[in-house]
Protein backbone atom coordinates (compact mmCIF):
# COMPACT_ATOMS: atom_id res chain seq x y z
CA MET A 1 -0.69 27.84 19.09
CA THR A 2 1.66 28.55 15.56
CA SER A 3 3.76 26.38 15.15
CA SER A 4 7.66 26.81 14.61
CA VAL A 5 8.10 25.52 12.19
CA THR A 6 6.19 25.74 8.35
CA SER A 7 6.48 21.96 7.06
CA LEU A 8 3.16 20.05 6.78
CA LYS A 9 5.64 17.26 6.04
CA PRO A 10 4.20 16.14 9.99
CA TYR A 11 0.89 17.88 9.04
CA HIS A 12 -0.44 14.89 6.60
CA THR A 13 -0.22 11.16 6.17
CA PHE A 14 1.73 11.49 2.52
CA SER A 15 4.47 13.57 4.26
CA LEU A 16 6.05 14.72 1.27
CA PRO A 17 7.76 17.86 1.51
CA VAL A 18 5.88 21.23 1.05
CA TYR A 19 4.96 24.14 3.26
CA ALA A 20 2.76 26.38 4.59
CA ASP A 21 3.18 29.79 5.24
CA GLU A 22 1.97 29.49 9.50
CA ILE A 23 0.89 26.15 10.93
CA VAL A 24 -1.81 26.79 14.02
CA CYS A 25 -3.08 23.61 16.26
CA ALA A 26 -6.38 24.87 17.63
CA ASP A 27 -7.65 22.95 20.58
CA THR A 28 -11.05 25.17 21.45
CA PRO A 29 -13.49 25.77 18.63
CA ASP A 30 -12.32 29.49 20.00
CA SER A 31 -8.97 29.49 19.45
CA LEU A 32 -10.36 27.71 15.72
CA VAL A 33 -12.89 31.34 14.90
CA ALA A 34 -9.32 33.19 15.84
CA SER A 35 -6.89 31.96 13.83
CA TRP A 36 -9.61 32.04 10.92
CA ARG A 37 -10.15 35.05 11.37
CA HIS A 38 -6.68 36.08 11.66
CA ALA A 39 -6.61 34.33 7.90
CA SER A 40 -9.72 35.89 6.88
CA GLU A 41 -8.02 39.19 7.89
CA GLN A 42 -4.40 39.43 6.18
CA ASN A 43 -6.93 37.87 2.91
CA THR A 44 -4.87 34.93 2.55
CA PRO A 45 -6.04 31.82 1.68
CA VAL A 46 -6.78 28.83 4.97
CA LEU A 47 -7.42 25.48 5.26
CA ILE A 48 -8.37 23.18 8.67
CA VAL A 49 -7.32 19.31 8.38
CA GLY A 50 -7.21 16.68 11.30
CA GLU A 51 -4.65 14.21 10.99
CA GLY A 52 -4.43 14.41 6.92
CA SER A 53 -5.11 11.10 5.66
CA ASN A 54 -6.85 12.26 2.72
CA VAL A 55 -5.10 15.11 1.70
CA LEU A 56 -2.86 15.82 -1.30
CA PHE A 57 -0.78 18.48 -1.53
CA LEU A 58 0.41 19.37 -4.88
CA GLU A 59 2.75 22.31 -3.16
CA ASP A 60 3.64 24.76 -0.53
CA PHE A 61 -0.14 25.67 0.90
CA ALA A 62 0.01 30.28 1.01
CA GLY A 63 -1.70 30.92 3.90
CA THR A 64 -2.60 29.56 7.30
CA VAL A 65 -3.52 25.61 7.84
CA ILE A 66 -5.39 25.30 10.73
CA VAL A 67 -4.97 21.58 12.56
CA ASN A 68 -8.01 21.07 14.93
CA ARG A 69 -7.38 19.63 17.94
CA ILE A 70 -10.74 19.45 19.07
CA LYS A 71 -10.60 16.76 22.15
CA GLY A 72 -13.57 14.68 24.10
CA ILE A 73 -14.76 11.52 24.10
CA GLU A 74 -18.27 11.21 26.13
CA ILE A 75 -20.33 8.03 26.22
CA ALA A 76 -23.53 8.10 28.44
CA GLU A 77 -25.91 4.67 28.33
CA ASP A 78 -29.68 4.18 28.15
CA ASP A 79 -31.95 1.04 27.56
CA LEU A 80 -31.47 0.34 24.16
CA GLY A 81 -27.38 1.91 23.91
CA TRP A 82 -25.26 4.54 24.44
CA HIS A 83 -25.09 8.04 23.22
CA LEU A 84 -21.27 8.84 21.95
CA HIS A 85 -20.15 13.04 22.12
CA VAL A 86 -16.44 12.98 19.80
CA GLY A 87 -14.68 15.53 19.90
CA ALA A 88 -13.32 16.39 16.04
CA GLY A 89 -9.79 15.70 17.17
CA GLU A 90 -9.78 12.83 18.81
CA ASN A 91 -7.87 10.57 16.44
CA TRP A 92 -10.60 7.70 15.32
CA HIS A 93 -8.90 4.47 15.05
CA HIS A 94 -8.64 5.59 19.22
CA LEU A 95 -11.82 6.17 19.02
CA VAL A 96 -13.40 2.68 18.95
CA GLU A 97 -10.37 1.24 20.51
CA HIS A 98 -12.22 2.90 23.14
CA THR A 99 -15.49 2.37 22.97
CA LEU A 100 -14.28 -1.95 23.18
CA GLN A 101 -12.83 -1.28 26.26
CA ARG A 102 -15.54 0.12 27.70
CA GLY A 103 -17.70 -2.58 26.50
CA VAL A 104 -19.47 -0.22 23.65
CA SER A 105 -20.01 -2.24 20.81
CA GLY A 106 -20.52 -1.31 16.63
CA LEU A 107 -17.56 0.13 15.68
CA GLU A 108 -15.07 -2.89 15.38
CA ASN A 109 -15.16 -2.84 11.18
CA LEU A 110 -14.11 0.58 11.14
CA ALA A 111 -11.22 -0.04 13.13
CA LEU A 112 -7.84 1.28 11.58
CA ILE A 113 -9.60 3.65 9.41
CA PRO A 114 -7.08 6.29 9.85
CA GLY A 115 -7.42 9.74 10.73
CA CYS A 116 -9.49 11.91 12.64
CA VAL A 117 -12.99 11.77 14.16
CA GLY A 118 -13.31 15.56 12.43
CA SER A 119 -13.79 13.78 9.32
CA ALA A 120 -15.47 11.06 8.89
CA PRO A 121 -18.74 12.52 7.98
CA ILE A 122 -16.69 14.39 5.32
CA GLN A 123 -15.63 11.27 3.77
CA ASN A 124 -18.58 8.87 5.52
CA ILE A 125 -16.41 6.35 5.95
CA GLY A 126 -16.67 2.96 5.83
CA ALA A 127 -14.92 -0.59 5.83
CA TYR A 128 -16.11 -3.67 6.08
CA GLY A 129 -19.93 -3.68 5.37
CA ALA A 130 -20.11 -0.41 7.73
CA GLU A 131 -20.40 2.74 7.71
CA PHE A 132 -20.14 6.17 9.63
CA LYS A 133 -23.58 6.07 8.20
CA GLN A 134 -25.36 4.15 10.51
CA PHE A 135 -23.95 4.63 13.96
CA CYS A 136 -24.20 8.94 13.66
CA ALA A 137 -26.89 11.16 15.19
CA TYR A 138 -25.45 13.99 14.58
CA VAL A 139 -22.74 16.54 13.42
CA ASP A 140 -22.18 20.11 14.99
CA VAL A 141 -20.51 22.95 12.92
CA LEU A 142 -18.84 25.81 12.99
CA ASP A 143 -19.26 28.79 11.61
CA LEU A 144 -16.38 30.37 11.56
CA THR A 145 -17.38 34.06 10.55
CA LEU A 146 -20.39 34.31 12.59
CA ASN A 147 -18.88 31.78 16.01
CA GLN A 148 -22.43 29.99 15.40
CA VAL A 149 -22.35 26.22 16.40
CA THR A 150 -25.19 24.49 14.36
CA ARG A 151 -26.30 20.93 14.76
CA LEU A 152 -27.44 18.34 11.30
CA SER A 153 -28.90 15.33 11.79
CA ALA A 154 -26.69 12.31 10.15
CA ALA A 155 -30.37 12.99 7.59
CA GLN A 156 -29.54 16.18 6.92
CA CYS A 157 -25.69 15.99 6.71
CA GLN A 158 -27.03 13.61 2.59
CA PHE A 159 -24.67 11.30 3.64
CA GLY A 160 -23.82 8.98 0.06
CA TYR A 161 -20.96 6.51 -0.90
CA ARG A 162 -17.51 8.92 0.56
CA GLU A 163 -20.09 11.79 0.15
CA SER A 164 -22.16 14.13 2.67
CA ILE A 165 -23.38 17.23 2.79
CA PHE A 166 -19.77 18.74 3.84
CA LYS A 167 -17.67 18.28 0.81
CA HIS A 168 -20.86 20.54 -0.68
CA GLU A 169 -22.99 23.40 1.32
CA TYR A 170 -20.59 23.07 4.28
CA ARG A 171 -17.44 23.23 2.34
CA ARG A 172 -16.05 26.52 2.90
CA GLY A 173 -15.68 28.72 5.76
CA PHE A 174 -17.40 26.26 8.22
CA ALA A 175 -15.42 23.51 10.52
CA ILE A 176 -16.97 20.33 12.37
CA ILE A 177 -16.30 20.40 15.77
CA ALA A 178 -18.29 16.90 17.18
CA VAL A 179 -19.90 14.40 16.65
CA GLY A 180 -22.73 12.52 17.56
CA LEU A 181 -22.94 8.57 17.63
CA TYR A 182 -25.16 6.04 18.63
CA LEU A 183 -24.71 2.29 19.60
CA THR A 184 -26.87 0.29 19.87
CA LYS A 185 -27.05 -2.72 22.46
CA SER A 186 -28.92 -4.73 20.02
CA TRP A 187 -25.95 -5.48 18.08
CA VAL A 188 -25.12 -8.05 15.15
CA PRO A 189 -21.94 -8.95 14.22
CA LEU A 190 -21.51 -7.53 9.93
CA LEU A 191 -19.10 -10.39 8.69
CA GLY A 192 -20.01 -10.23 5.33
CA TYR A 193 -16.06 -9.40 3.93
CA GLY A 194 -12.50 -11.13 3.64
CA ASP A 195 -11.37 -12.62 6.97
CA LEU A 196 -14.42 -12.38 8.78
CA ALA A 197 -16.61 -14.41 6.87
CA GLN A 198 -14.57 -17.03 8.63
CA LEU A 199 -15.96 -16.01 11.79
CA ASP A 200 -19.42 -18.28 13.52
CA PRO A 201 -22.11 -15.74 13.38
CA ALA A 202 -23.34 -18.15 16.70
CA THR A 203 -20.19 -17.09 18.98
CA ALA A 204 -17.83 -13.95 16.85
CA THR A 205 -17.40 -11.08 19.57
CA PRO A 206 -16.86 -7.54 18.95
CA ASP A 207 -13.17 -8.03 19.73
CA ALA A 208 -12.55 -10.48 17.11
CA ILE A 209 -13.95 -8.36 14.81
CA PHE A 210 -12.01 -5.63 16.09
CA THR A 211 -9.01 -8.13 15.98
CA THR A 212 -9.67 -9.84 12.36
CA VAL A 213 -10.32 -6.24 10.96
CA CYS A 214 -7.12 -4.61 12.58
CA ALA A 215 -4.99 -8.43 10.52
CA MET A 216 -6.56 -8.15 7.26
CA ARG A 217 -5.63 -4.09 7.46
CA ARG A 218 -1.99 -4.28 8.45
CA LYS A 219 -1.76 -7.66 6.27
CA LYS A 220 -2.54 -5.15 3.54
CA LEU A 221 -2.57 -2.10 3.41
CA PRO A 222 1.06 0.00 4.31
CA ASP A 223 0.95 2.15 7.82
CA PRO A 224 1.72 6.08 7.51
CA ALA A 225 3.91 6.39 9.87
CA LEU A 226 6.22 3.97 8.62
CA MET A 227 5.32 4.03 4.48
CA GLY A 228 3.69 7.77 2.96
CA ASN A 229 0.14 6.94 1.85
CA ALA A 230 -3.07 8.29 2.38
CA GLY A 231 -5.30 5.17 1.69
CA SER A 232 -7.22 4.41 -0.31
CA PHE A 233 -6.52 6.10 -3.55
CA PHE A 234 -9.35 5.83 -5.33
CA LYS A 235 -13.14 5.15 -5.23
CA ASN A 236 -14.59 1.90 -6.02
CA PRO A 237 -16.68 3.09 -9.05
CA VAL A 238 -20.63 2.32 -8.94
CA ILE A 239 -21.93 1.87 -12.41
CA SER A 240 -25.00 0.31 -14.68
CA ALA A 241 -26.25 -2.63 -14.78
CA GLU A 242 -25.12 -2.72 -18.47
CA GLN A 243 -22.12 -1.21 -17.73
CA ALA A 244 -20.81 -3.58 -15.22
CA GLN A 245 -22.60 -6.45 -17.87
CA VAL A 246 -19.55 -5.87 -19.60
CA ILE A 247 -17.32 -6.52 -17.80
CA LEU A 248 -18.34 -9.87 -16.03
CA MET A 249 -18.61 -11.12 -19.55
CA ARG A 250 -14.44 -10.41 -20.05
CA TYR A 251 -14.19 -10.62 -16.13
CA PRO A 252 -16.88 -12.98 -14.99
CA HIS A 253 -15.01 -13.44 -11.26
CA ALA A 254 -14.66 -9.84 -10.88
CA PRO A 255 -15.46 -9.23 -7.28
CA HIS A 256 -18.43 -7.13 -7.59
CA TYR A 257 -21.61 -6.33 -5.50
CA PRO A 258 -24.65 -4.88 -6.58
CA GLN A 259 -26.69 -1.51 -5.26
CA PRO A 260 -29.94 -1.95 -4.59
CA ASP A 261 -30.85 0.97 -7.16
CA GLY A 262 -29.20 -1.63 -9.50
CA THR A 263 -26.34 -0.06 -9.67
CA VAL A 264 -23.09 -1.97 -9.59
CA LYS A 265 -19.95 -1.29 -6.95
CA PHE A 266 -15.92 -2.82 -8.62
CA ALA A 267 -13.18 -3.52 -6.53
CA ALA A 268 -11.21 -0.76 -7.48
CA GLY A 269 -8.18 -2.36 -6.81
CA TRP A 270 -8.91 -5.50 -8.84
CA LEU A 271 -9.73 -2.93 -11.66
CA ILE A 272 -6.84 -1.89 -11.28
CA ASP A 273 -5.23 -5.54 -10.02
CA GLN A 274 -5.89 -6.03 -14.05
CA CYS A 275 -3.56 -4.01 -15.08
CA GLN A 276 -0.64 -5.01 -14.16
CA LEU A 277 0.30 -2.38 -11.78
CA LYS A 278 1.38 -3.26 -8.11
CA GLY A 279 4.92 -1.94 -7.20
CA HIS A 280 4.95 0.54 -11.10
CA ARG A 281 6.70 2.84 -9.76
CA MET A 282 7.06 6.46 -11.13
CA GLY A 283 9.98 9.13 -9.34
CA GLY A 284 9.73 8.25 -5.56
CA ALA A 285 6.15 6.56 -6.37
CA ALA A 286 4.29 3.72 -6.60
CA VAL A 287 1.75 1.54 -6.48
CA HIS A 288 1.75 -0.54 -2.96
CA GLN A 289 2.47 -4.44 -3.92
CA GLN A 290 -0.41 -5.63 -1.56
CA GLN A 291 -2.79 -3.03 -2.63
CA ALA A 292 -3.26 -2.34 -5.94
CA LEU A 293 -5.43 1.48 -4.20
CA VAL A 294 -3.22 2.75 -2.27
CA LEU A 295 -0.29 4.89 -3.34
CA VAL A 296 2.51 5.00 -1.74
CA ASN A 297 5.91 7.75 -0.63
CA LEU A 298 8.20 5.05 -1.79
CA ASP A 299 10.89 7.21 -2.06
CA GLU A 300 10.78 10.93 -1.41
CA ALA A 301 9.01 11.73 -2.80
CA THR A 302 6.57 14.37 -4.77
CA SER A 303 3.37 16.01 -5.25
CA ASP A 304 3.54 15.81 -9.28
CA ASP A 305 5.07 11.84 -8.70
CA ILE A 306 1.94 10.98 -6.69
CA VAL A 307 -0.07 13.29 -9.73
CA ALA A 308 1.86 11.38 -12.29
CA LEU A 309 1.45 8.08 -11.29
CA ALA A 310 -2.33 8.76 -10.20
CA ARG A 311 -2.60 9.98 -14.16
CA TYR A 312 -1.19 6.80 -14.84
CA VAL A 313 -2.80 4.33 -13.39
CA ARG A 314 -6.68 5.96 -13.90
CA ASN A 315 -5.44 6.47 -17.81
CA SER A 316 -5.39 2.10 -17.45
CA VAL A 317 -8.14 1.24 -16.12
CA ALA A 318 -10.02 3.67 -17.92
CA GLU A 319 -8.12 1.92 -21.45
CA THR A 320 -8.52 -1.13 -19.71
CA PHE A 321 -12.03 -1.25 -18.57
CA ALA A 322 -13.41 1.67 -20.61
CA LEU A 323 -14.82 3.66 -16.75
CA TRP A 324 -13.08 6.38 -15.19
CA LEU A 325 -11.21 6.09 -11.24
CA GLU A 326 -12.32 9.27 -9.34
CA PRO A 327 -9.84 9.92 -7.02
CA GLU A 328 -11.46 10.29 -3.56
CA VAL A 329 -8.26 11.61 -1.88
CA ARG A 330 -8.68 15.54 -1.89
CA PHE A 331 -6.06 17.39 -4.10
CA ILE A 332 -4.63 21.03 -2.39
CA ALA A 333 -3.79 23.55 -4.47
CA SER A 334 -1.82 26.65 -2.87
CA THR A 335 -4.32 28.71 -2.56
CA GLY A 336 -6.89 25.47 -1.12
CA GLU A 337 -8.88 22.66 -2.65
CA VAL A 338 -8.83 22.17 -5.85
CA SER A 339 -10.45 18.94 -8.22
CA ALA A 340 -8.53 16.28 -8.51
CA THR A 341 -10.57 14.89 -11.40
CA GLU A 342 -9.51 18.14 -13.10
CA VAL A 343 -6.18 18.07 -11.92
CA LEU A 344 -6.06 14.10 -13.23
CA SER A 345 -7.62 14.38 -17.16
């Protein structure tokens, strides 16, 4: 169904005053293909979004935005666990709630992550010690040109930190229509982060973890419905052990997480906070007061306000720590996605 209003404000969580030539909501694979082909025949740009929770529109989009609304949650059980088949247009947090209500545990650490299920494998979403790839069985990808579906195994998805094959080979001309998840019955609580560490491993339940995660996120992260934002704006940088040692000599208490390959991950929010940027404002955009990793639409911000603020934050961290933060948010120009790093350079 084509939208009669071309404002993109309701379709991305930054809620910026940007428009598209056409907006189409697609609730079946066939309607996705039809909308894609129509735009292609018109030789106009086309972009597929879920809930727009990880995009920054730099300007009006000179083409068609297709909103993926393919729904459905199927759960099958065997002796060892549960097999889930979930439509890409389902809300991720709704899925987490739904599974827990059905007595299916495993996704509780990923509660309240904004966006659709179809976006989860693109970013390999993660929080509080859990990542999407731990539960992924497969991803169904629709070739919009050939109208053919390919099922990719978790290994074929090439998951990394906020990384997957969907940012590369399957970036253009394809749409994720469903994901398959496997949640084992041999459940082990993940209690290594934040307030979760206060829970007793012997008695912690999935519901208790879910409640704690939701409380932590609500405490430090703004609700996009009340204050436009796209969650974590920058990735946590992963740097060499040598670089890490330089920072730790100056800041011995800096939050850092050694990785299996010898590199070290640092908390981007902490790095930004050390630059004393919480609350820093440019135009209608600001660094969030509680979580420095989040840039917010505080007062009718424009795309230029967000970009200027992001550039200032990135440059400040580089000057202080000699490392460059990489944006996690996807930057969308008038004809499609562009390099966020290049825009901010």
